[in-house]
Amino acid sequence: MLAVELRAFDDPTGLVPAELPDPEPGPGEVRVDLVAAALNRRDWWIRRGGKVSLPQVLGSDGAGIVSAVGGGVEGVATGDEVVIDPSLDWGEDEEAPGPAFRILGVPDQGTYAERIVVGAHQLRPRPPRLTWAESAALPLAGLTAWRATVTHVQAGPGRTILVPGAGGGVATFVIQIARELGARVLVTTSSEEKLERARALGAEGGALYTDSGWSERIGPVDAVVDSVGAAAWPGALACLKRGGRLVNFADTTGDRGEVDITRLYFEYQRIQGTTMGSPREFDALLAHVADASWRPVVDSVFPLADAAGAHERLDAPDRFGKVVLAVRPGAE
């Protein structure tokens, strides 16, 4: 099968097409012929120098067609169109995953490949109202957004939510999920063009984070759902109303945030870390998507063999939404 291996760290040119043996499912496993896969910031971090041995096949998101079923598998058959839950072995505790938890794609084989073998319990029917590219774009970013926006923030009528970095993949899901549930959504972003695109997704408005004093024009808000990290925290925490919550799932601009501790306790604010989500939350996300008015935002689609070009696009300042790999014809 065709796959793309990460053979060298740092530059996207370290992503090289390769022919690998077709994987075969064992007991309890299923092989999926992928139609589309999607990139995530996790892939970027690993490519830039993650502490893993090389070569590796990256990729946590994928949608495809079941082509082989291992022994003991029930409820899944060849020909089924599926999406993969990338949150592996979460466990039964909804508060946090168990010790066996990992994310699909390194150390396991990822979705930058024509075929992949996963546990049958990781598969769900592909949302029929979505395209293949949209289906592949949904799982990791959608699940992370769902847990942050629904489980932690409890988005709904009467709630105002700030989403910093509105052009990011997860951020586009947060905006749309929160708006669909009736919340008021505000954003920060880097350009007027991105601000307008966020409004088109349902945001009421927002500010450019390059403008000084933006937090004074945004707040107060009930919650902040943040992927930006260090650069956003001072303004984001200043926006929070009394009893508000900052939920963070990434550190794009740095992993050391500045916190006014006195304000934190006198204003009864909370800081919540999160990433990914449980199988129950993935099922809830898919049930929501089945009847929702919104669709995953796909920035661009690249052929599988050009994963390096897709990674270059992931770094582009004007990117808005998810970058997708077309593994087979018709993935667009």
C-alpha atoms as a PDB file:
ATOM      1  CA  MET A   1       0.000   0.000   0.000  1.00  0.00           C
ATOM      2  CA  LEU A   2       1.004   3.624  -0.445  1.00  0.00           C
ATOM      3  CA  ALA A   3       1.820   5.426   2.788  1.00  0.00           C
ATOM      4  CA  VAL A   4       3.768   8.529   3.778  1.00  0.00           C
ATOM      5  CA  GLU A   5       6.559   8.026   6.294  1.00  0.00           C
ATOM      6  CA  LEU A   6       8.163  10.650   8.483  1.00  0.00           C
ATOM      7  CA  ARG A   7      11.848   9.911   7.930  1.00  0.00           C
ATOM      8  CA  ALA A   8      13.440  13.130   9.193  1.00  0.00           C
ATOM      9  CA  PHE A   9      12.380  15.782  11.684  1.00  0.00           C
ATOM     10  CA  ASP A  10      11.763  19.507  11.180  1.00  0.00           C
ATOM     11  CA  ASP A  11      11.145  20.308   7.502  1.00  0.00           C
ATOM     12  CA  PRO A  12       8.054  18.950   5.694  1.00  0.00           C
ATOM     13  CA  THR A  13      10.378  17.320   3.161  1.00  0.00           C
ATOM     14  CA  GLY A  14      10.982  14.664   5.812  1.00  0.00           C
ATOM     15  CA  LEU A  15       7.566  13.269   4.843  1.00  0.00           C
ATOM     16  CA  VAL A  16       8.281  10.732   2.082  1.00  0.00           C
ATOM     17  CA  PRO A  17       5.889   8.461   0.106  1.00  0.00           C
ATOM     18  CA  ALA A  18       6.644   4.748   0.582  1.00  0.00           C
ATOM     19  CA  GLU A  19       5.263   1.341  -0.313  1.00  0.00           C
ATOM     20  CA  LEU A  20       4.449  -0.682   2.814  1.00  0.00           C
ATOM     21  CA  PRO A  21       2.842  -4.114   3.294  1.00  0.00           C
ATOM     22  CA  ASP A  22      -0.934  -4.185   3.624  1.00  0.00           C
ATOM     23  CA  PRO A  23      -1.888  -4.572   7.298  1.00  0.00           C
ATOM     24  CA  GLU A  24      -4.029  -7.563   8.267  1.00  0.00           C
ATOM     25  CA  PRO A  25      -6.603  -7.446  11.089  1.00  0.00           C
ATOM     26  CA  GLY A  26      -6.244  -9.717  14.073  1.00  0.00           C
ATOM     27  CA  PRO A  27      -8.960 -10.790  16.519  1.00  0.00           C
ATOM     28  CA  GLY A  28     -11.227  -7.877  17.372  1.00  0.00           C
ATOM     29  CA  GLU A  29      -9.693  -5.728  14.661  1.00  0.00           C
ATOM     30  CA  VAL A  30     -10.877  -4.277  11.354  1.00  0.00           C
ATOM     31  CA  ARG A  31      -9.005  -3.040   8.299  1.00  0.00           C
ATOM     32  CA  VAL A  32     -10.201   0.223   6.777  1.00  0.00           C
ATOM     33  CA  ASP A  33      -9.379   1.326   3.227  1.00  0.00           C
ATOM     34  CA  LEU A  34      -9.037   5.041   3.856  1.00  0.00           C
ATOM     35  CA  VAL A  35     -10.676   7.502   1.490  1.00  0.00           C
ATOM     36  CA  ALA A  36      -9.551  10.666   3.287  1.00  0.00           C
ATOM     37  CA  ALA A  37      -7.345  11.622   6.212  1.00  0.00           C
ATOM     38  CA  ALA A  38      -6.768  14.947   7.946  1.00  0.00           C
ATOM     39  CA  LEU A  39      -3.888  16.822   9.504  1.00  0.00           C
ATOM     40  CA  ASN A  40      -3.738  18.026  13.077  1.00  0.00           C
ATOM     41  CA  ARG A  41      -1.377  20.182  15.121  1.00  0.00           C
ATOM     42  CA  ARG A  42      -0.241  16.953  16.801  1.00  0.00           C
ATOM     43  CA  ASP A  43       1.271  15.860  13.469  1.00  0.00           C
ATOM     44  CA  TRP A  44       3.106  19.202  13.284  1.00  0.00           C
ATOM     45  CA  TRP A  45       4.603  18.758  16.768  1.00  0.00           C
ATOM     46  CA  ILE A  46       5.806  15.238  15.990  1.00  0.00           C
ATOM     47  CA  ARG A  47       7.253  16.322  12.651  1.00  0.00           C
ATOM     48  CA  ARG A  48       9.106  19.208  14.282  1.00  0.00           C
ATOM     49  CA  GLY A  49      11.015  16.875  16.578  1.00  0.00           C
ATOM     50  CA  GLY A  50       8.767  14.637  18.628  1.00  0.00           C
ATOM     51  CA  LYS A  51      10.612  12.146  20.792  1.00  0.00           C
ATOM     52  CA  VAL A  52       9.797   9.127  18.633  1.00  0.00           C
ATOM     53  CA  SER A  53      11.851   6.695  16.615  1.00  0.00           C
ATOM     54  CA  LEU A  54      11.793   7.007  12.840  1.00  0.00           C
ATOM     55  CA  PRO A  55      10.292   6.161  10.401  1.00  0.00           C
ATOM     56  CA  GLN A  56       6.680   6.740  11.473  1.00  0.00           C
ATOM     57  CA  VAL A  57       3.331   7.029   9.677  1.00  0.00           C
ATOM     58  CA  LEU A  58       1.552  10.069  11.122  1.00  0.00           C
ATOM     59  CA  GLY A  59      -2.165  10.824  11.135  1.00  0.00           C
ATOM     60  CA  SER A  60      -4.949  10.637  13.718  1.00  0.00           C
ATOM     61  CA  ASP A  61      -7.985  11.352  11.534  1.00  0.00           C
ATOM     62  CA  GLY A  62      -9.470   9.127   8.872  1.00  0.00           C
ATOM     63  CA  ALA A  63     -12.651   8.028   7.108  1.00  0.00           C
ATOM     64  CA  GLY A  64     -12.955   5.048   4.810  1.00  0.00           C
ATOM     65  CA  ILE A  65     -14.505   1.709   3.896  1.00  0.00           C
ATOM     66  CA  VAL A  66     -14.107  -1.538   5.834  1.00  0.00           C
ATOM     67  CA  SER A  67     -12.214  -4.057   3.685  1.00  0.00           C
ATOM     68  CA  ALA A  68     -11.443  -6.895   6.132  1.00  0.00           C
ATOM     69  CA  VAL A  69     -12.752  -8.039   9.509  1.00  0.00           C
ATOM     70  CA  GLY A  70     -10.847 -10.054  12.105  1.00  0.00           C
ATOM     71  CA  GLY A  71     -12.160 -12.856  14.257  1.00  0.00           C
ATOM     72  CA  GLY A  72     -14.752 -12.162  16.918  1.00  0.00           C
ATOM     73  CA  VAL A  73     -15.884  -8.862  15.451  1.00  0.00           C
ATOM     74  CA  GLU A  74     -19.613  -8.145  15.519  1.00  0.00           C
ATOM     75  CA  GLY A  75     -21.571  -5.164  14.220  1.00  0.00           C
ATOM     76  CA  VAL A  76     -19.029  -4.237  11.541  1.00  0.00           C
ATOM     77  CA  ALA A  77     -18.977  -5.675   8.008  1.00  0.00           C
ATOM     78  CA  THR A  78     -16.956  -5.249   4.844  1.00  0.00           C
ATOM     79  CA  GLY A  79     -18.280  -2.350   2.795  1.00  0.00           C
ATOM     80  CA  ASP A  80     -19.294  -0.259   5.822  1.00  0.00           C
ATOM     81  CA  GLU A  81     -18.436   3.428   5.509  1.00  0.00           C
ATOM     82  CA  VAL A  82     -16.844   4.511   8.769  1.00  0.00           C
ATOM     83  CA  VAL A  83     -14.978   7.181  10.689  1.00  0.00           C
ATOM     84  CA  ILE A  84     -12.333   6.310  13.264  1.00  0.00           C
ATOM     85  CA  ASP A  85     -12.436   7.485  16.859  1.00  0.00           C
ATOM     86  CA  PRO A  86      -8.794   8.566  17.354  1.00  0.00           C
ATOM     87  CA  SER A  87      -9.059   8.496  21.156  1.00  0.00           C
ATOM     88  CA  LEU A  88      -7.674   5.005  21.850  1.00  0.00           C
ATOM     89  CA  ASP A  89      -8.355   3.090  25.084  1.00  0.00           C
ATOM     90  CA  TRP A  90      -9.764   6.051  27.013  1.00  0.00           C
ATOM     91  CA  GLY A  91     -11.376   3.859  29.661  1.00  0.00           C
ATOM     92  CA  GLU A  92     -14.568   4.269  31.680  1.00  0.00           C
ATOM     93  CA  ASP A  93     -13.776   7.411  33.677  1.00  0.00           C
ATOM     94  CA  GLU A  94     -15.317  10.523  32.129  1.00  0.00           C
ATOM     95  CA  GLU A  95     -13.085  12.868  34.134  1.00  0.00           C
ATOM     96  CA  ALA A  96      -9.826  11.764  32.485  1.00  0.00           C
ATOM     97  CA  PRO A  97      -8.458   8.880  30.414  1.00  0.00           C
ATOM     98  CA  GLY A  98      -6.830   5.825  31.929  1.00  0.00           C
ATOM     99  CA  PRO A  99      -3.152   4.805  31.769  1.00  0.00           C
ATOM    100  CA  ALA A 100      -3.555   2.913  28.469  1.00  0.00           C
ATOM    101  CA  PHE A 101      -4.843   6.011  26.648  1.00  0.00           C
ATOM    102  CA  ARG A 102      -3.089   7.156  23.485  1.00  0.00           C
ATOM    103  CA  ILE A 103      -3.985   9.010  20.305  1.00  0.00           C
ATOM    104  CA  LEU A 104      -4.132   7.225  16.961  1.00  0.00           C
ATOM    105  CA  GLY A 105      -0.984   7.723  14.895  1.00  0.00           C
ATOM    106  CA  VAL A 106       2.383   7.258  16.640  1.00  0.00           C
ATOM    107  CA  PRO A 107       3.199   4.960  18.250  1.00  0.00           C
ATOM    108  CA  ASP A 108       0.480   3.124  16.271  1.00  0.00           C
ATOM    109  CA  GLN A 109       0.414   3.419  12.477  1.00  0.00           C
ATOM    110  CA  GLY A 110      -1.455   6.556  11.508  1.00  0.00           C
ATOM    111  CA  THR A 111      -3.814   7.514   8.699  1.00  0.00           C
ATOM    112  CA  TYR A 112      -1.317   8.881   6.151  1.00  0.00           C
ATOM    113  CA  ALA A 113      -1.790   5.569   4.339  1.00  0.00           C
ATOM    114  CA  GLU A 114      -4.142   3.730   2.023  1.00  0.00           C
ATOM    115  CA  ARG A 115      -5.073   1.213   4.723  1.00  0.00           C
ATOM    116  CA  ILE A 116      -5.090   0.991   8.489  1.00  0.00           C
ATOM    117  CA  VAL A 117      -6.014  -1.626  11.093  1.00  0.00           C
ATOM    118  CA  VAL A 118      -7.810  -0.511  14.255  1.00  0.00           C
ATOM    119  CA  GLY A 119      -9.921  -2.095  16.958  1.00  0.00           C
ATOM    120  CA  ALA A 120     -13.489  -2.607  15.800  1.00  0.00           C
ATOM    121  CA  HIS A 121     -14.718  -0.656  18.836  1.00  0.00           C
ATOM    122  CA  GLN A 122     -12.990   2.467  17.451  1.00  0.00           C
ATOM    123  CA  LEU A 123     -15.250   2.619  14.384  1.00  0.00           C
ATOM    124  CA  ARG A 124     -18.504   4.518  13.935  1.00  0.00           C
ATOM    125  CA  PRO A 125     -20.758   4.915  10.881  1.00  0.00           C
ATOM    126  CA  ARG A 126     -19.687   7.832   8.719  1.00  0.00           C
ATOM    127  CA  PRO A 127     -22.109  10.790   8.994  1.00  0.00           C
ATOM    128  CA  PRO A 128     -24.093  10.505   5.727  1.00  0.00           C
ATOM    129  CA  ARG A 129     -24.644  14.251   5.379  1.00  0.00           C
ATOM    130  CA  LEU A 130     -20.897  14.957   5.249  1.00  0.00           C
ATOM    131  CA  THR A 131     -18.481  14.557   2.360  1.00  0.00           C
ATOM    132  CA  TRP A 132     -15.501  12.224   2.715  1.00  0.00           C
ATOM    133  CA  ALA A 133     -13.190  15.186   3.342  1.00  0.00           C
ATOM    134  CA  GLU A 134     -15.534  16.614   5.989  1.00  0.00           C
ATOM    135  CA  SER A 135     -15.886  13.196   7.621  1.00  0.00           C
ATOM    136  CA  ALA A 136     -12.108  12.831   7.872  1.00  0.00           C
ATOM    137  CA  ALA A 137     -11.770  16.358   9.253  1.00  0.00           C
ATOM    138  CA  LEU A 138     -14.256  15.739  12.063  1.00  0.00           C
ATOM    139  CA  PRO A 139     -12.943  13.213  14.626  1.00  0.00           C
ATOM    140  CA  LEU A 140      -9.952  14.614  16.541  1.00  0.00           C
ATOM    141  CA  ALA A 141     -10.739  18.317  16.264  1.00  0.00           C
ATOM    142  CA  GLY A 142     -14.472  17.765  16.632  1.00  0.00           C
ATOM    143  CA  LEU A 143     -14.061  15.561  19.695  1.00  0.00           C
ATOM    144  CA  THR A 144     -11.666  17.982  21.372  1.00  0.00           C
ATOM    145  CA  ALA A 145     -14.054  20.855  20.625  1.00  0.00           C
ATOM    146  CA  TRP A 146     -17.066  18.915  21.893  1.00  0.00           C
ATOM    147  CA  ARG A 147     -15.498  18.064  25.248  1.00  0.00           C
ATOM    148  CA  ALA A 148     -14.256  21.625  25.741  1.00  0.00           C
ATOM    149  CA  THR A 149     -17.447  23.350  24.597  1.00  0.00           C
ATOM    150  CA  VAL A 150     -20.147  21.005  25.883  1.00  0.00           C
ATOM    151  CA  THR A 151     -18.690  18.986  28.769  1.00  0.00           C
ATOM    152  CA  HIS A 152     -16.606  21.749  30.335  1.00  0.00           C
ATOM    153  CA  VAL A 153     -18.149  25.049  29.184  1.00  0.00           C
ATOM    154  CA  GLN A 154     -21.776  23.833  28.913  1.00  0.00           C
ATOM    155  CA  ALA A 155     -22.471  26.071  25.935  1.00  0.00           C
ATOM    156  CA  GLY A 156     -26.106  27.063  25.543  1.00  0.00           C
ATOM    157  CA  PRO A 157     -28.561  29.970  25.613  1.00  0.00           C
ATOM    158  CA  GLY A 158     -27.474  32.810  27.853  1.00  0.00           C
ATOM    159  CA  ARG A 159     -23.791  31.854  27.727  1.00  0.00           C
ATOM    160  CA  THR A 160     -21.102  33.985  26.045  1.00  0.00           C
ATOM    161  CA  ILE A 161     -17.966  32.195  24.890  1.00  0.00           C
ATOM    162  CA  LEU A 162     -14.699  33.627  23.597  1.00  0.00           C
ATOM    163  CA  VAL A 163     -12.669  31.612  21.080  1.00  0.00           C
ATOM    164  CA  PRO A 164      -9.099  32.919  20.602  1.00  0.00           C
ATOM    165  CA  GLY A 165      -7.336  32.042  17.356  1.00  0.00           C
ATOM    166  CA  ALA A 166     -10.489  31.619  15.307  1.00  0.00           C
ATOM    167  CA  GLY A 167      -8.781  30.235  12.188  1.00  0.00           C
ATOM    168  CA  GLY A 168      -7.521  27.039  13.801  1.00  0.00           C
ATOM    169  CA  GLY A 169      -9.149  23.707  13.027  1.00  0.00           C
ATOM    170  CA  VAL A 170     -10.550  23.008  16.506  1.00  0.00           C
ATOM    171  CA  ALA A 171     -11.576  26.648  16.908  1.00  0.00           C
ATOM    172  CA  THR A 172     -13.840  26.444  13.845  1.00  0.00           C
ATOM    173  CA  PHE A 173     -15.623  23.490  15.462  1.00  0.00           C
ATOM    174  CA  VAL A 174     -15.958  25.317  18.795  1.00  0.00           C
ATOM    175  CA  ILE A 175     -17.563  28.334  17.104  1.00  0.00           C
ATOM    176  CA  GLN A 176     -20.095  26.226  15.229  1.00  0.00           C
ATOM    177  CA  ILE A 177     -20.959  23.821  18.043  1.00  0.00           C
ATOM    178  CA  ALA A 178     -21.413  26.632  20.559  1.00  0.00           C
ATOM    179  CA  ARG A 179     -23.560  28.643  18.172  1.00  0.00           C
ATOM    180  CA  GLU A 180     -25.675  25.615  17.253  1.00  0.00           C
ATOM    181  CA  LEU A 181     -26.361  25.069  20.956  1.00  0.00           C
ATOM    182  CA  GLY A 182     -27.527  28.657  21.356  1.00  0.00           C
ATOM    183  CA  ALA A 183     -24.497  30.352  22.892  1.00  0.00           C
ATOM    184  CA  ARG A 184     -23.220  33.786  21.939  1.00  0.00           C
ATOM    185  CA  VAL A 185     -19.732  33.459  20.412  1.00  0.00           C
ATOM    186  CA  LEU A 186     -16.956  36.044  20.193  1.00  0.00           C
ATOM    187  CA  VAL A 187     -13.498  35.491  18.696  1.00  0.00           C
ATOM    188  CA  THR A 188     -10.024  36.901  18.375  1.00  0.00           C
ATOM    189  CA  THR A 189      -8.003  36.387  15.231  1.00  0.00           C
ATOM    190  CA  SER A 190      -5.171  37.849  13.159  1.00  0.00           C
ATOM    191  CA  SER A 191      -6.982  39.581  10.272  1.00  0.00           C
ATOM    192  CA  GLU A 192     -10.236  41.218   9.260  1.00  0.00           C
ATOM    193  CA  GLU A 193     -10.690  38.504   6.637  1.00  0.00           C
ATOM    194  CA  LYS A 194     -10.571  35.764   9.275  1.00  0.00           C
ATOM    195  CA  LEU A 195     -12.897  37.787  11.488  1.00  0.00           C
ATOM    196  CA  GLU A 196     -15.444  37.907   8.674  1.00  0.00           C
ATOM    197  CA  ARG A 197     -15.101  34.168   8.082  1.00  0.00           C
ATOM    198  CA  ALA A 198     -15.680  33.547  11.794  1.00  0.00           C
ATOM    199  CA  ARG A 199     -18.845  35.658  11.592  1.00  0.00           C
ATOM    200  CA  ALA A 200     -19.985  33.506   8.681  1.00  0.00           C
ATOM    201  CA  LEU A 201     -19.644  30.458  10.949  1.00  0.00           C
ATOM    202  CA  GLY A 202     -21.867  32.057  13.574  1.00  0.00           C
ATOM    203  CA  ALA A 203     -19.629  34.289  15.680  1.00  0.00           C
ATOM    204  CA  GLU A 204     -21.291  37.555  16.658  1.00  0.00           C
ATOM    205  CA  GLY A 205     -18.030  39.487  16.360  1.00  0.00           C
ATOM    206  CA  GLY A 206     -14.659  39.866  18.002  1.00  0.00           C
ATOM    207  CA  ALA A 207     -11.331  41.624  17.797  1.00  0.00           C
ATOM    208  CA  LEU A 208      -7.879  41.374  16.274  1.00  0.00           C
ATOM    209  CA  TYR A 209      -5.473  40.112  18.899  1.00  0.00           C
ATOM    210  CA  THR A 210      -2.838  42.433  17.417  1.00  0.00           C
ATOM    211  CA  ASP A 211      -4.837  45.428  18.706  1.00  0.00           C
ATOM    212  CA  SER A 212      -3.859  46.628  22.170  1.00  0.00           C
ATOM    213  CA  GLY A 213      -6.603  46.492  24.761  1.00  0.00           C
ATOM    214  CA  TRP A 214      -8.704  43.960  22.842  1.00  0.00           C
ATOM    215  CA  SER A 215      -9.807  42.254  26.056  1.00  0.00           C
ATOM    216  CA  GLU A 216     -11.569  45.420  27.250  1.00  0.00           C
ATOM    217  CA  ARG A 217     -13.719  45.422  24.107  1.00  0.00           C
ATOM    218  CA  ILE A 218     -14.508  41.690  24.313  1.00  0.00           C
ATOM    219  CA  GLY A 219     -15.414  41.006  27.929  1.00  0.00           C
ATOM    220  CA  PRO A 220     -17.047  40.006  30.091  1.00  0.00           C
ATOM    221  CA  VAL A 221     -17.553  36.427  28.920  1.00  0.00           C
ATOM    222  CA  ASP A 222     -18.687  33.275  30.701  1.00  0.00           C
ATOM    223  CA  ALA A 223     -15.910  31.101  29.291  1.00  0.00           C
ATOM    224  CA  VAL A 224     -12.871  31.053  27.025  1.00  0.00           C
ATOM    225  CA  VAL A 225     -12.076  27.991  24.894  1.00  0.00           C
ATOM    226  CA  ASP A 226      -8.402  28.422  24.055  1.00  0.00           C
ATOM    227  CA  SER A 227      -5.828  26.725  21.835  1.00  0.00           C
ATOM    228  CA  VAL A 228      -3.416  29.658  21.581  1.00  0.00           C
ATOM    229  CA  GLY A 229      -1.707  29.334  24.947  1.00  0.00           C
ATOM    230  CA  ALA A 230       0.755  31.812  26.420  1.00  0.00           C
ATOM    231  CA  ALA A 231       0.049  34.810  24.181  1.00  0.00           C
ATOM    232  CA  ALA A 232      -3.711  34.669  24.787  1.00  0.00           C
ATOM    233  CA  TRP A 233      -3.890  34.010  28.515  1.00  0.00           C
ATOM    234  CA  PRO A 234      -3.476  37.510  30.000  1.00  0.00           C
ATOM    235  CA  GLY A 235      -6.230  38.962  27.788  1.00  0.00           C
ATOM    236  CA  ALA A 236      -8.408  35.869  27.984  1.00  0.00           C
ATOM    237  CA  LEU A 237      -8.369  35.759  31.782  1.00  0.00           C
ATOM    238  CA  ALA A 238      -9.034  39.500  31.915  1.00  0.00           C
ATOM    239  CA  CYS A 239     -12.164  38.913  29.799  1.00  0.00           C
ATOM    240  CA  LEU A 240     -13.652  36.352  32.166  1.00  0.00           C
ATOM    241  CA  LYS A 241     -16.568  37.372  34.325  1.00  0.00           C
ATOM    242  CA  ARG A 242     -16.773  36.466  37.983  1.00  0.00           C
ATOM    243  CA  GLY A 243     -16.964  32.680  38.226  1.00  0.00           C
ATOM    244  CA  GLY A 244     -15.830  32.243  34.603  1.00  0.00           C
ATOM    245  CA  ARG A 245     -13.736  29.411  33.205  1.00  0.00           C
ATOM    246  CA  LEU A 246     -10.787  29.219  30.825  1.00  0.00           C
ATOM    247  CA  VAL A 247     -10.586  25.846  29.050  1.00  0.00           C
ATOM    248  CA  ASN A 248      -7.331  25.121  27.243  1.00  0.00           C
ATOM    249  CA  PHE A 249      -6.379  22.288  24.899  1.00  0.00           C
ATOM    250  CA  ALA A 250      -3.163  23.525  23.210  1.00  0.00           C
ATOM    251  CA  ASP A 251      -0.132  25.803  23.536  1.00  0.00           C
ATOM    252  CA  THR A 252       0.483  27.067  19.998  1.00  0.00           C
ATOM    253  CA  THR A 253       2.229  30.271  21.163  1.00  0.00           C
ATOM    254  CA  GLY A 254       4.006  28.813  24.165  1.00  0.00           C
ATOM    255  CA  ASP A 255       3.541  26.498  27.131  1.00  0.00           C
ATOM    256  CA  ARG A 256       4.028  29.001  29.972  1.00  0.00           C
ATOM    257  CA  GLY A 257       0.934  31.113  30.629  1.00  0.00           C
ATOM    258  CA  GLU A 258       0.806  34.230  32.802  1.00  0.00           C
ATOM    259  CA  VAL A 259      -1.890  34.195  35.500  1.00  0.00           C
ATOM    260  CA  ASP A 260      -2.962  36.970  37.872  1.00  0.00           C
ATOM    261  CA  ILE A 261      -3.429  34.680  40.856  1.00  0.00           C
ATOM    262  CA  THR A 262      -5.081  37.321  43.040  1.00  0.00           C
ATOM    263  CA  ARG A 263      -7.719  37.957  40.391  1.00  0.00           C
ATOM    264  CA  LEU A 264      -8.094  34.206  39.884  1.00  0.00           C
ATOM    265  CA  TYR A 265      -9.224  33.536  43.445  1.00  0.00           C
ATOM    266  CA  PHE A 266     -11.035  36.813  44.169  1.00  0.00           C
ATOM    267  CA  GLU A 267     -13.055  36.412  40.959  1.00  0.00           C
ATOM    268  CA  TYR A 268     -13.669  32.676  41.522  1.00  0.00           C
ATOM    269  CA  GLN A 269     -12.292  31.833  38.113  1.00  0.00           C
ATOM    270  CA  ARG A 270     -11.302  28.340  36.959  1.00  0.00           C
ATOM    271  CA  ILE A 271      -8.658  27.015  34.563  1.00  0.00           C
ATOM    272  CA  GLN A 272      -9.441  23.642  32.982  1.00  0.00           C
ATOM    273  CA  GLY A 273      -7.097  21.572  30.869  1.00  0.00           C
ATOM    274  CA  THR A 274      -8.525  19.131  28.329  1.00  0.00           C
ATOM    275  CA  THR A 275      -7.786  17.233  25.156  1.00  0.00           C
ATOM    276  CA  MET A 276      -9.612  14.612  23.100  1.00  0.00           C
ATOM    277  CA  GLY A 277     -12.592  12.925  24.799  1.00  0.00           C
ATOM    278  CA  SER A 278     -14.252   9.665  25.783  1.00  0.00           C
ATOM    279  CA  PRO A 279     -16.096   7.230  23.496  1.00  0.00           C
ATOM    280  CA  ARG A 280     -19.368   8.470  24.994  1.00  0.00           C
ATOM    281  CA  GLU A 281     -18.497  12.041  24.004  1.00  0.00           C
ATOM    282  CA  PHE A 282     -17.561  10.892  20.488  1.00  0.00           C
ATOM    283  CA  ASP A 283     -20.984   9.253  20.167  1.00  0.00           C
ATOM    284  CA  ALA A 284     -22.641  12.447  21.428  1.00  0.00           C
ATOM    285  CA  LEU A 285     -20.705  14.502  18.864  1.00  0.00           C
ATOM    286  CA  LEU A 286     -21.810  12.231  16.011  1.00  0.00           C
ATOM    287  CA  ALA A 287     -25.444  12.350  17.188  1.00  0.00           C
ATOM    288  CA  HIS A 288     -25.221  16.149  17.204  1.00  0.00           C
ATOM    289  CA  VAL A 289     -23.633  16.270  13.747  1.00  0.00           C
ATOM    290  CA  ALA A 290     -26.370  14.066  12.273  1.00  0.00           C
ATOM    291  CA  ASP A 291     -28.938  16.856  12.648  1.00  0.00           C
ATOM    292  CA  ALA A 292     -26.760  19.978  12.894  1.00  0.00           C
ATOM    293  CA  SER A 293     -26.838  22.853  10.418  1.00  0.00           C
ATOM    294  CA  TRP A 294     -23.050  23.256  10.347  1.00  0.00           C
ATOM    295  CA  ARG A 295     -20.323  21.348   8.516  1.00  0.00           C
ATOM    296  CA  PRO A 296     -16.591  20.899   9.225  1.00  0.00           C
ATOM    297  CA  VAL A 297     -14.543  23.673   7.663  1.00  0.00           C
ATOM    298  CA  VAL A 298     -12.077  22.275   5.128  1.00  0.00           C
ATOM    299  CA  ASP A 299      -9.347  24.727   4.169  1.00  0.00           C
ATOM    300  CA  SER A 300      -7.739  22.627   1.429  1.00  0.00           C
ATOM    301  CA  VAL A 301      -7.299  19.090   0.095  1.00  0.00           C
ATOM    302  CA  PHE A 302      -3.983  17.541  -1.011  1.00  0.00           C
ATOM    303  CA  PRO A 303      -3.248  14.109  -2.503  1.00  0.00           C
ATOM    304  CA  LEU A 304      -1.808  11.609  -0.021  1.00  0.00           C
ATOM    305  CA  ALA A 305       1.567  11.566  -1.792  1.00  0.00           C
ATOM    306  CA  ASP A 306       1.857  15.333  -1.204  1.00  0.00           C
ATOM    307  CA  ALA A 307       1.609  15.206   2.587  1.00  0.00           C
ATOM    308  CA  ALA A 308       4.647  17.500   2.649  1.00  0.00           C
ATOM    309  CA  GLY A 309       2.689  20.153   0.740  1.00  0.00           C
ATOM    310  CA  ALA A 310      -0.224  19.689   3.124  1.00  0.00           C
ATOM    311  CA  HIS A 311       2.101  20.346   6.073  1.00  0.00           C
ATOM    312  CA  GLU A 312       3.321  23.515   4.416  1.00  0.00           C
ATOM    313  CA  ARG A 313      -0.296  24.644   4.155  1.00  0.00           C
ATOM    314  CA  LEU A 314      -0.818  23.805   7.834  1.00  0.00           C
ATOM    315  CA  ASP A 315       1.796  26.473   8.613  1.00  0.00           C
ATOM    316  CA  ALA A 316       0.275  29.129   6.323  1.00  0.00           C
ATOM    317  CA  PRO A 317      -0.884  32.292   8.171  1.00  0.00           C
ATOM    318  CA  ASP A 318      -4.066  32.523   6.082  1.00  0.00           C
ATOM    319  CA  ARG A 319      -5.164  28.912   6.695  1.00  0.00           C
ATOM    320  CA  PHE A 320      -8.734  28.690   7.976  1.00  0.00           C
ATOM    321  CA  GLY A 321     -10.011  25.253   8.985  1.00  0.00           C
ATOM    322  CA  LYS A 322      -8.746  21.741   8.382  1.00  0.00           C
ATOM    323  CA  VAL A 323      -6.183  20.491   5.877  1.00  0.00           C
ATOM    324  CA  VAL A 324      -7.185  17.123   4.386  1.00  0.00           C
ATOM    325  CA  LEU A 325      -5.413  14.356   2.459  1.00  0.00           C
ATOM    326  CA  ALA A 326      -7.292  12.696  -0.392  1.00  0.00           C
ATOM    327  CA  VAL A 327      -6.255   9.055  -0.136  1.00  0.00           C
ATOM    328  CA  ARG A 328      -8.541   7.876  -2.937  1.00  0.00           C
ATOM    329  CA  PRO A 329     -10.428   9.549  -5.799  1.00  0.00           C
ATOM    330  CA  GLY A 330     -13.653  11.222  -4.728  1.00  0.00           C
ATOM    331  CA  ALA A 331     -12.339  12.285  -1.328  1.00  0.00           C
ATOM    332  CA  GLU A 332     -13.012  15.942  -2.041  1.00  0.00           C
END
